[in-house]
Amino acid sequence: MFKKLIAESMGKSPWLFHINAGSCNGCDIELVSVLTPRYDAERLGFKLAGSPRHADIVVVTGPVTTQSLPRVLRAISQVPEPRCIVTMGSCPQSGNVFKGSYSVAGPLSKYVHVDVDVAGCAPKPQAVIDGLALATKILKEKREAK
């Protein structure tokens, strides 16, 4: 009985952990603006978690630099399973204008499975909310399959 209640409540309020992997802060600002009263993604249950151990969804921004790569992978590994990984912006998906740079380790999908890609440089708030809603749906499916 309690397991069912906990599972239902967890599905309605996913916590996000944001990782900046070397971005220009454009995507970071858009993610924070989505949580403010103007777009109010918190009404859908999204909250930022202070620790990866409390998160359900990981949001990665930036072109994943060689210096940030081990830290990003360590933070992602600390998020309990089942988890959902979201890349936000063009940088973690392809490297964008930084592609080919000596300091860019490449797209995040080379190192971990990415569930949702939110495209754009920087993505619009509506696209961010759509991506997070899709991540919540995927997370729910992963929990049911477990």
Protein backbone atom coordinates (compact mmCIF):
# COMPACT_ATOMS: atom_id res chain seq x y z
CA MET A 1 0.00 0.00 0.00
CA PHE A 2 2.71 2.45 0.97
CA LYS A 3 4.86 1.53 -2.04
CA LYS A 4 2.01 2.41 -4.39
CA LEU A 5 1.39 5.72 -2.60
CA ILE A 6 5.08 6.62 -2.72
CA ALA A 7 5.35 5.67 -6.40
CA GLU A 8 2.34 7.83 -7.32
CA SER A 9 3.59 10.82 -5.36
CA MET A 10 7.12 10.59 -6.78
CA GLY A 11 5.76 10.63 -10.32
CA LYS A 12 4.04 13.95 -9.78
CA SER A 13 6.98 15.94 -8.44
CA PRO A 14 10.29 15.15 -10.13
CA TRP A 15 13.32 16.91 -8.72
CA LEU A 16 15.89 18.33 -11.09
CA PHE A 17 19.63 18.50 -10.64
CA HIS A 18 21.32 20.99 -12.94
CA ILE A 19 24.91 20.46 -14.13
CA ASN A 20 26.77 23.20 -15.95
CA ALA A 21 29.43 21.44 -18.03
CA GLY A 22 31.12 24.60 -19.29
CA SER A 23 28.26 26.57 -20.82
CA CYS A 24 27.99 30.28 -21.59
CA ASN A 25 25.11 30.47 -19.05
CA GLY A 26 22.45 31.14 -21.71
CA CYS A 27 20.77 27.77 -21.07
CA ASP A 28 21.25 28.14 -17.32
CA ILE A 29 19.34 31.41 -17.36
CA GLU A 30 16.54 29.83 -19.41
CA LEU A 31 16.27 26.90 -16.99
CA VAL A 32 16.00 29.24 -14.01
CA SER A 33 13.47 31.45 -15.82
CA VAL A 34 11.27 28.40 -16.40
CA LEU A 35 11.07 27.94 -12.62
CA THR A 36 10.13 31.57 -11.91
CA PRO A 37 6.48 32.72 -11.61
CA ARG A 38 6.30 33.82 -15.26
CA TYR A 39 6.47 30.28 -16.67
CA ASP A 40 6.01 28.52 -13.32
CA ALA A 41 7.21 25.00 -14.03
CA GLU A 42 6.95 24.39 -10.30
CA ARG A 43 3.17 24.12 -10.77
CA LEU A 44 3.95 20.91 -12.66
CA GLY A 45 5.98 19.68 -9.70
CA PHE A 46 9.51 20.48 -10.90
CA LYS A 47 11.91 21.60 -8.19
CA LEU A 48 15.66 22.04 -8.19
CA ALA A 49 17.48 19.61 -5.91
CA GLY A 50 20.60 20.69 -4.08
CA SER A 51 22.21 17.27 -4.33
CA PRO A 52 22.30 14.69 -7.11
CA ARG A 53 21.33 12.05 -4.53
CA HIS A 54 17.90 13.69 -4.17
CA ALA A 55 17.25 14.18 -7.90
CA ASP A 56 15.17 12.24 -10.40
CA ILE A 57 16.10 14.16 -13.56
CA VAL A 58 19.56 15.49 -14.47
CA VAL A 59 19.69 18.57 -16.73
CA VAL A 60 23.08 19.12 -18.39
CA THR A 61 24.04 22.37 -20.12
CA GLY A 62 27.29 23.25 -21.84
CA PRO A 63 29.65 21.58 -24.30
CA VAL A 64 31.10 19.04 -21.77
CA THR A 65 34.69 20.16 -21.44
CA THR A 66 37.52 17.74 -20.73
CA GLN A 67 37.91 19.29 -17.28
CA SER A 68 34.20 18.94 -16.41
CA LEU A 69 33.67 15.45 -17.87
CA PRO A 70 34.78 13.40 -14.83
CA ARG A 71 32.75 15.62 -12.52
CA VAL A 72 29.66 15.39 -14.73
CA LEU A 73 29.89 11.59 -14.90
CA ARG A 74 30.42 11.36 -11.13
CA ALA A 75 27.39 13.58 -10.43
CA ILE A 76 25.23 11.57 -12.85
CA SER A 77 26.32 8.31 -11.20
CA GLN A 78 25.15 9.67 -7.82
CA VAL A 79 21.57 10.12 -9.05
CA PRO A 80 19.55 7.07 -7.99
CA GLU A 81 18.09 4.73 -10.59
CA PRO A 82 15.77 5.05 -12.38
CA ARG A 83 16.89 8.44 -13.57
CA CYS A 84 16.36 10.55 -16.65
CA ILE A 85 19.10 12.58 -18.33
CA VAL A 86 18.18 15.73 -20.25
CA THR A 87 20.59 17.76 -22.37
CA MET A 88 19.60 21.37 -22.73
CA GLY A 89 20.83 23.45 -25.64
CA SER A 90 22.97 22.61 -28.63
CA CYS A 91 26.26 22.40 -26.74
CA PRO A 92 25.87 19.11 -24.83
CA GLN A 93 24.29 17.53 -27.92
CA SER A 94 26.90 18.45 -30.53
CA GLY A 95 29.45 20.88 -29.10
CA ASN A 96 27.85 23.70 -31.12
CA VAL A 97 30.43 26.39 -32.01
CA PHE A 98 32.96 24.78 -29.65
CA LYS A 99 33.02 21.48 -31.58
CA GLY A 100 36.53 20.43 -32.43
CA SER A 101 38.10 22.54 -29.71
CA TYR A 102 40.96 21.00 -27.75
CA SER A 103 39.02 21.49 -24.52
CA VAL A 104 35.72 19.88 -25.57
CA ALA A 105 35.29 16.18 -24.75
CA GLY A 106 32.41 15.83 -27.15
CA PRO A 107 28.69 15.30 -26.89
CA LEU A 108 27.40 13.86 -23.62
CA SER A 109 25.76 10.97 -25.47
CA LYS A 110 29.26 9.52 -26.08
CA TYR A 111 29.54 8.78 -22.35
CA VAL A 112 26.01 8.18 -21.00
CA HIS A 113 22.56 7.42 -22.38
CA VAL A 114 20.64 10.67 -22.89
CA ASP A 115 16.85 10.36 -22.63
CA VAL A 116 15.72 13.81 -23.81
CA ASP A 117 17.40 16.48 -25.96
CA VAL A 118 16.04 20.02 -25.71
CA ALA A 119 17.30 21.77 -28.84
CA GLY A 120 18.14 25.43 -29.26
CA CYS A 121 20.77 27.97 -28.41
CA ALA A 122 19.38 28.88 -25.92
CA PRO A 123 16.12 26.92 -26.00
CA LYS A 124 12.85 28.74 -25.48
CA PRO A 125 11.10 28.28 -22.13
CA GLN A 126 8.24 26.41 -23.79
CA ALA A 127 10.73 23.91 -25.26
CA VAL A 128 12.33 23.45 -21.85
CA ILE A 129 8.97 22.75 -20.22
CA ASP A 130 8.07 20.31 -23.03
CA GLY A 131 11.41 18.52 -22.58
CA LEU A 132 10.97 18.27 -18.83
CA ALA A 133 7.41 16.96 -19.28
CA LEU A 134 8.72 14.31 -21.69
CA ALA A 135 11.46 13.42 -19.20
CA THR A 136 8.80 12.97 -16.50
CA LYS A 137 6.86 10.62 -18.78
CA ILE A 138 10.00 8.59 -19.53
CA LEU A 139 10.88 8.48 -15.83
CA LYS A 140 7.40 7.18 -15.00
CA GLU A 141 7.76 4.44 -17.64
CA LYS A 142 11.16 3.46 -16.22
CA ARG A 143 9.72 3.24 -12.71
CA GLU A 144 6.80 1.08 -13.88
CA ALA A 145 9.16 -1.24 -15.77
CA LYS A 146 11.37 -1.67 -12.71
